[in-house]
Amino acid sequence: MTAHIETNLFANRVRLKELRVAHRDLDVTIEELAHDPLIDQIRIKRLKKRRLVLKDMIVRLESDLIPNLNA
């Protein structure tokens, strides 16, 4: 049972790292596109929405990784 829990923790940490990288990449992309006056604003809004979804996933995973002290 302990090995399964450790495997889950490792998988969650890896996933968290992947999500953070994706979020950071979107930040850079949005920042670059924001300086281009010819870029489609709808595209920027979609990217920002995707970035927000990633942030929500990151927060949820971080919360799952915090041990429950009441247990």
Protein backbone atom coordinates (compact mmCIF):
# COMPACT_ATOMS: atom_id res chain seq x y z
CA MET A 1 0.00 0.00 0.00
CA THR A 2 2.81 2.42 0.86
CA ALA A 3 4.49 1.87 -2.52
CA HIS A 4 1.22 2.75 -4.26
CA ILE A 5 0.92 5.98 -2.26
CA GLU A 6 4.53 6.90 -3.00
CA THR A 7 3.97 6.21 -6.71
CA ASN A 8 0.90 8.46 -6.65
CA LEU A 9 2.83 11.22 -4.89
CA PHE A 10 5.63 10.98 -7.42
CA ALA A 11 3.17 11.04 -10.33
CA ASN A 12 1.39 14.07 -8.85
CA ARG A 13 4.67 15.92 -8.39
CA VAL A 14 5.67 15.19 -11.97
CA ARG A 15 2.26 16.34 -13.22
CA LEU A 16 2.52 19.49 -11.08
CA LYS A 17 5.89 20.31 -12.61
CA GLU A 18 4.49 19.79 -16.13
CA LEU A 19 1.54 22.07 -15.39
CA ARG A 20 3.81 24.78 -14.00
CA VAL A 21 5.97 24.66 -17.13
CA ALA A 22 2.90 24.86 -19.38
CA HIS A 23 1.57 27.79 -17.32
CA ARG A 24 4.90 29.61 -17.55
CA ASP A 25 5.06 29.00 -21.31
CA LEU A 26 1.58 30.47 -21.72
CA ASP A 27 2.63 33.50 -19.66
CA VAL A 28 5.52 34.12 -22.04
CA THR A 29 3.36 33.60 -25.13
CA ILE A 30 0.62 35.92 -23.86
CA GLU A 31 3.17 38.59 -22.97
CA GLU A 32 4.74 38.41 -26.43
CA LEU A 33 1.38 38.51 -28.21
CA ALA A 34 0.15 41.41 -26.08
CA HIS A 35 2.83 43.66 -27.59
CA ASP A 36 1.73 42.89 -31.16
CA PRO A 37 -1.03 45.33 -32.19
CA LEU A 38 -2.05 43.11 -35.11
CA ILE A 39 -2.75 40.00 -33.02
CA ASP A 40 -6.29 38.72 -32.65
CA GLN A 41 -7.61 39.65 -29.19
CA ILE A 42 -9.83 36.55 -29.17
CA ARG A 43 -6.71 34.40 -29.39
CA ILE A 44 -5.21 36.18 -26.39
CA LYS A 45 -8.45 35.69 -24.42
CA ARG A 46 -8.43 31.98 -25.23
CA LEU A 47 -4.82 31.67 -24.09
CA LYS A 48 -5.61 33.52 -20.87
CA LYS A 49 -8.55 31.20 -20.24
CA ARG A 50 -6.31 28.17 -20.80
CA ARG A 51 -3.74 29.67 -18.43
CA LEU A 52 -6.44 30.09 -15.78
CA VAL A 53 -7.51 26.45 -16.19
CA LEU A 54 -3.89 25.40 -15.72
CA LYS A 55 -3.62 27.56 -12.60
CA ASP A 56 -6.73 25.92 -11.15
CA MET A 57 -5.27 22.49 -11.84
CA ILE A 58 -2.00 23.51 -10.18
CA VAL A 59 -3.78 24.77 -7.06
CA ARG A 60 -5.84 21.57 -6.85
CA LEU A 61 -2.77 19.35 -7.17
CA GLU A 62 -0.83 21.41 -4.62
CA SER A 63 -3.74 21.02 -2.23
CA ASP A 64 -3.77 17.26 -2.77
CA LEU A 65 -0.06 17.06 -1.96
CA ILE A 66 -0.50 18.73 1.43
CA PRO A 67 -0.92 16.02 4.07
CA ASN A 68 -4.18 15.96 5.98
CA LEU A 69 -3.22 16.76 9.58
CA ASN A 70 -6.59 15.62 10.93
CA ALA A 71 -6.11 12.07 9.66
